[in-house]
Amino acid sequence: MVVTRGPSIVDFIFFLFFAGVAINVISGIVNGGNDFSRSLDEAASPLGKGVSVVQVSVALNVPRRDSPTSILTYLNRLSRTASTDSRVGISNLVSQVALELIRQKPYIFAANTEYKHFRDNDEKKATRYFNNVAVAERGKFEREGTNKYGGVDYSTSTGSKSSDQQGFSAQATSAVVTILIEIDGDETKLPQINNISDLQRALTTIATDVKVDDCLRSAEVLWTPEDPDDVLSDKDVIVDYPKLRSV
């Protein structure tokens, strides 16, 4: 299956940690009948009232993409071992990616955050908004190299090496990683990015809040490039992610 072609970058990887949480929150049933929905009559969540949709995008330099410590190697390895069939697994994965981005701080050159809050009676609007943002981000990609949903891999790539066999070439490249979450409350408000300290606070907030009780509703993690022969230039980053700000 081919998705909408991106404006200038080809063969991206899309790593979807949607993982059934959005659907299971709507149905209120997951893991043998546990109710993950939150009644509007209940008290506010530990993170406050309403629902927030939060996004952070980070651009990094990757001097050697096949290095064991590069962000691309890390995400490639995580895509093979990720548990996406439970809320705990998803929250742990989102937290791990946020923490790894903090560790990659010396290589970060641009970032951006987005935040939108919805009141308790606008929960359906929050989910709709989350889905709209997710579709817009996915629309930048020519194909979904890795697409995990509820623990199942729905990748659209064919005729290529498996994730276990596929290695990265050694050339340098830029990379962009995006975390998008829908979460209970109004406390996961990220600062506007003006410097690396702002970004570190934003990533720390995400890494912490996604593990608070059952507050995380939905999450997606996306990155590019995935194909070992693709190189993402600084110009590509500027064209395709115009909201990113230098740090």
Protein backbone atom coordinates (compact mmCIF):
# COMPACT_ATOMS: atom_id res chain seq x y z
CA MET A 1 0.00 0.00 0.00
CA VAL A 2 1.29 3.47 -0.89
CA VAL A 3 0.49 6.49 1.18
CA THR A 4 0.65 10.15 0.14
CA ARG A 5 4.00 11.09 -1.32
CA GLY A 6 6.02 13.51 0.79
CA PRO A 7 7.17 16.86 -0.56
CA SER A 8 10.82 16.04 -1.02
CA ILE A 9 11.96 13.06 1.03
CA VAL A 10 11.60 9.42 -0.03
CA ASP A 11 11.49 6.10 1.78
CA PHE A 12 10.78 7.28 5.27
CA ILE A 13 10.12 5.07 8.21
CA PHE A 14 6.92 5.45 10.16
CA PHE A 15 6.96 3.85 13.56
CA LEU A 16 3.40 3.80 14.90
CA PHE A 17 2.94 3.30 18.61
CA PHE A 18 -0.80 3.85 18.24
CA ALA A 19 -0.95 0.29 19.54
CA GLY A 20 -4.68 0.02 20.00
CA VAL A 21 -4.81 2.51 22.84
CA ALA A 22 -7.00 4.98 20.94
CA ILE A 23 -9.43 2.24 19.92
CA ASN A 24 -9.36 0.60 23.32
CA VAL A 25 -10.00 3.87 25.12
CA ILE A 26 -13.08 4.39 22.95
CA SER A 27 -14.36 0.87 23.57
CA GLY A 28 -13.27 0.94 27.21
CA ILE A 29 -12.03 -2.65 27.02
CA VAL A 30 -8.53 -4.05 26.75
CA ASN A 31 -6.52 -6.88 28.28
CA GLY A 32 -9.45 -9.10 29.11
CA GLY A 33 -11.95 -6.45 30.09
CA ASN A 34 -10.02 -3.83 32.04
CA ASP A 35 -11.75 -0.46 31.63
CA PHE A 36 -9.28 2.18 30.43
CA SER A 37 -11.88 4.90 29.85
CA ARG A 38 -12.36 7.74 32.33
CA SER A 39 -15.90 8.80 33.18
CA LEU A 40 -16.65 12.50 32.91
CA ASP A 41 -18.25 12.26 36.33
CA GLU A 42 -14.97 11.16 37.91
CA ALA A 43 -12.51 13.54 39.51
CA ALA A 44 -9.77 15.07 37.39
CA SER A 45 -6.88 12.83 36.43
CA PRO A 46 -3.56 13.11 38.30
CA LEU A 47 -2.46 15.44 35.49
CA GLY A 48 -5.48 17.74 35.74
CA LYS A 49 -8.74 18.17 33.90
CA GLY A 50 -9.61 17.60 30.28
CA VAL A 51 -7.36 16.12 27.60
CA SER A 52 -4.24 17.47 25.89
CA VAL A 53 -2.69 16.70 22.52
CA VAL A 54 1.06 17.27 22.63
CA GLN A 55 3.72 17.06 19.93
CA VAL A 56 7.48 17.50 19.89
CA SER A 57 9.70 17.22 16.81
CA VAL A 58 13.48 17.06 17.02
CA ALA A 59 16.08 17.37 14.24
CA LEU A 60 19.49 15.80 14.81
CA ASN A 61 22.80 15.39 13.06
CA VAL A 62 23.81 11.75 12.70
CA PRO A 63 27.55 11.72 11.89
CA ARG A 64 27.63 7.94 11.46
CA ARG A 65 24.27 6.25 11.12
CA ASP A 66 25.59 2.73 11.72
CA SER A 67 27.13 3.68 15.06
CA PRO A 68 25.69 1.70 18.01
CA THR A 69 24.96 5.03 19.71
CA SER A 70 23.20 6.80 16.81
CA ILE A 71 19.52 7.68 17.13
CA LEU A 72 18.74 5.70 13.95
CA THR A 73 20.37 2.55 15.33
CA TYR A 74 18.48 2.99 18.58
CA LEU A 75 15.10 3.41 16.89
CA ASN A 76 15.77 0.54 14.50
CA ARG A 77 16.53 -1.73 17.45
CA LEU A 78 13.51 -0.48 19.39
CA SER A 79 11.22 -1.15 16.42
CA ARG A 80 12.14 -4.84 16.63
CA THR A 81 11.67 -5.20 20.39
CA ALA A 82 8.82 -2.78 21.09
CA SER A 83 5.81 -3.96 23.06
CA THR A 84 2.77 -2.19 21.61
CA ASP A 85 -0.05 -4.35 22.90
CA SER A 86 -0.61 -2.69 26.28
CA ARG A 87 -0.82 0.79 27.73
CA VAL A 88 2.16 0.14 30.02
CA GLY A 89 4.26 -1.03 27.09
CA ILE A 90 3.38 2.03 25.03
CA SER A 91 4.03 4.49 27.84
CA ASN A 92 7.39 2.86 28.54
CA LEU A 93 8.36 3.09 24.86
CA VAL A 94 7.39 6.75 24.51
CA SER A 95 9.31 7.50 27.69
CA GLN A 96 12.36 5.63 26.37
CA VAL A 97 12.36 7.57 23.10
CA ALA A 98 12.07 10.90 24.93
CA LEU A 99 14.95 9.95 27.24
CA GLU A 100 17.10 8.83 24.31
CA LEU A 101 16.54 12.19 22.62
CA ILE A 102 17.78 13.88 25.79
CA ARG A 103 20.92 11.72 25.63
CA GLN A 104 21.36 12.74 21.99
CA LYS A 105 21.43 16.42 23.02
CA PRO A 106 24.90 17.16 21.53
CA TYR A 107 23.57 16.27 18.05
CA ILE A 108 20.28 18.22 18.16
CA PHE A 109 20.14 21.36 16.03
CA ALA A 110 16.41 22.20 15.82
CA ALA A 111 13.11 21.39 17.53
CA ASN A 112 9.49 22.43 17.91
CA THR A 113 6.61 21.77 20.30
CA GLU A 114 2.83 21.96 19.84
CA TYR A 115 0.16 21.86 22.55
CA LYS A 116 -3.64 21.97 22.47
CA HIS A 117 -5.93 21.40 25.46
CA PHE A 118 -9.55 20.26 25.41
CA ARG A 119 -12.07 20.51 28.23
CA ASP A 120 -13.72 17.40 29.72
CA ASN A 121 -16.75 17.70 27.46
CA ASP A 122 -14.53 17.97 24.36
CA GLU A 123 -12.82 14.57 24.68
CA LYS A 124 -14.11 13.42 21.29
CA LYS A 125 -12.75 16.60 19.73
CA ALA A 126 -9.37 15.84 21.31
CA THR A 127 -9.27 12.38 19.74
CA ARG A 128 -10.35 13.80 16.38
CA TYR A 129 -7.65 16.46 16.58
CA PHE A 130 -5.02 13.86 17.51
CA ASN A 131 -6.00 11.74 14.52
CA ASN A 132 -5.90 14.75 12.19
CA VAL A 133 -2.39 15.67 13.32
CA ALA A 134 -1.27 12.05 12.99
CA VAL A 135 -2.61 11.84 9.43
CA ALA A 136 -0.89 15.12 8.52
CA GLU A 137 2.43 13.81 9.82
CA ARG A 138 2.00 10.46 8.07
CA GLY A 139 1.18 12.31 4.85
CA LYS A 140 4.79 13.53 4.72
CA PHE A 141 5.98 9.98 4.16
CA GLU A 142 6.03 8.10 0.87
CA ARG A 143 5.59 4.77 2.63
CA GLU A 144 5.42 3.27 6.11
CA GLY A 145 8.61 1.29 6.63
CA THR A 146 7.47 0.06 10.05
CA ASN A 147 3.91 0.32 11.29
CA LYS A 148 3.11 -1.38 14.60
CA TYR A 149 -0.44 -1.45 15.89
CA GLY A 150 -1.51 -3.48 18.90
CA GLY A 151 1.66 -5.55 18.74
CA VAL A 152 1.17 -6.42 15.06
CA ASP A 153 3.48 -5.18 12.29
CA TYR A 154 1.50 -3.66 9.40
CA SER A 155 4.54 -2.46 7.46
CA THR A 156 3.88 -1.76 3.81
CA SER A 157 7.42 -2.33 2.53
CA THR A 158 7.94 -5.44 0.42
CA GLY A 159 10.89 -7.23 -1.02
CA SER A 160 13.37 -5.75 1.45
CA LYS A 161 15.44 -7.21 4.21
CA SER A 162 13.82 -7.89 7.54
CA SER A 163 14.43 -5.51 10.41
CA ASP A 164 16.75 -8.05 11.97
CA GLN A 165 18.90 -8.21 8.85
CA GLN A 166 18.76 -4.62 7.68
CA GLY A 167 21.79 -2.53 8.59
CA PHE A 168 22.53 1.14 8.11
CA SER A 169 25.15 2.54 5.78
CA ALA A 170 27.90 4.58 7.35
CA GLN A 171 27.22 7.94 5.69
CA ALA A 172 26.25 10.99 7.71
CA THR A 173 22.69 12.28 7.60
CA SER A 174 20.21 14.45 9.42
CA ALA A 175 17.24 12.82 11.15
CA VAL A 176 13.88 14.00 12.45
CA VAL A 177 12.01 12.29 15.30
CA THR A 178 8.44 13.23 16.23
CA ILE A 179 6.51 12.20 19.35
CA LEU A 180 2.75 12.80 19.33
CA ILE A 181 0.60 11.95 22.35
CA GLU A 182 -2.97 12.32 23.57
CA ILE A 183 -2.96 12.46 27.36
CA ASP A 184 -5.35 13.22 30.22
CA GLY A 185 -5.10 16.55 32.00
CA ASP A 186 -3.70 20.00 31.32
CA GLU A 187 -0.27 19.68 32.95
CA THR A 188 1.68 18.25 30.00
CA LYS A 189 2.09 21.70 28.50
CA LEU A 190 5.44 21.97 26.75
CA PRO A 191 7.49 25.17 26.61
CA GLN A 192 8.10 26.95 23.34
CA ILE A 193 11.54 25.94 22.11
CA ASN A 194 14.12 28.74 22.17
CA ASN A 195 17.15 26.79 23.30
CA ILE A 196 18.32 23.30 24.23
CA SER A 197 17.24 23.78 27.86
CA ASP A 198 13.65 24.33 26.74
CA LEU A 199 13.78 21.15 24.69
CA GLN A 200 15.23 19.15 27.58
CA ARG A 201 12.37 20.32 29.82
CA ALA A 202 9.83 19.37 27.16
CA LEU A 203 11.27 15.88 26.68
CA THR A 204 11.54 15.36 30.44
CA THR A 205 7.88 16.32 30.84
CA ILE A 206 6.82 13.79 28.21
CA ALA A 207 9.05 11.03 29.58
CA THR A 208 7.54 11.56 33.04
CA ASP A 209 3.89 12.25 32.31
CA VAL A 210 3.27 9.32 29.95
CA LYS A 211 3.99 6.98 32.88
CA VAL A 212 1.57 8.65 35.30
CA ASP A 213 -1.21 6.17 36.14
CA ASP A 214 -3.43 5.54 33.09
CA CYS A 215 -3.24 9.06 31.71
CA LEU A 216 -1.76 8.21 28.30
CA ARG A 217 -4.53 7.64 25.75
CA SER A 218 -2.74 7.43 22.40
CA ALA A 219 0.79 7.90 21.11
CA GLU A 220 2.74 7.86 17.89
CA VAL A 221 6.49 8.00 17.31
CA LEU A 222 7.70 8.79 13.80
CA TRP A 223 11.18 9.20 12.38
CA THR A 224 13.11 9.63 9.16
CA PRO A 225 15.21 8.43 7.36
CA GLU A 226 14.91 4.65 7.64
CA ASP A 227 16.23 3.32 4.35
CA PRO A 228 20.00 2.73 4.71
CA ASP A 229 20.66 4.50 1.40
CA ASP A 230 18.58 7.60 2.11
CA VAL A 231 20.23 10.80 3.30
CA LEU A 232 18.23 13.64 4.83
CA SER A 233 19.90 17.01 4.24
CA ASP A 234 19.51 20.14 6.35
CA LYS A 235 17.62 21.66 3.41
CA ASP A 236 15.17 18.74 3.43
CA VAL A 237 14.56 19.35 7.12
CA ILE A 238 13.84 23.04 6.56
CA VAL A 239 11.47 22.36 3.65
CA ASP A 240 9.51 19.53 5.23
CA TYR A 241 9.52 20.72 8.85
CA PRO A 242 9.25 24.52 8.59
CA LYS A 243 8.14 24.96 12.22
CA LEU A 244 11.41 23.65 13.62
CA ARG A 245 13.46 26.29 15.45
CA SER A 246 17.24 26.30 15.84
CA VAL A 247 18.53 25.46 19.32
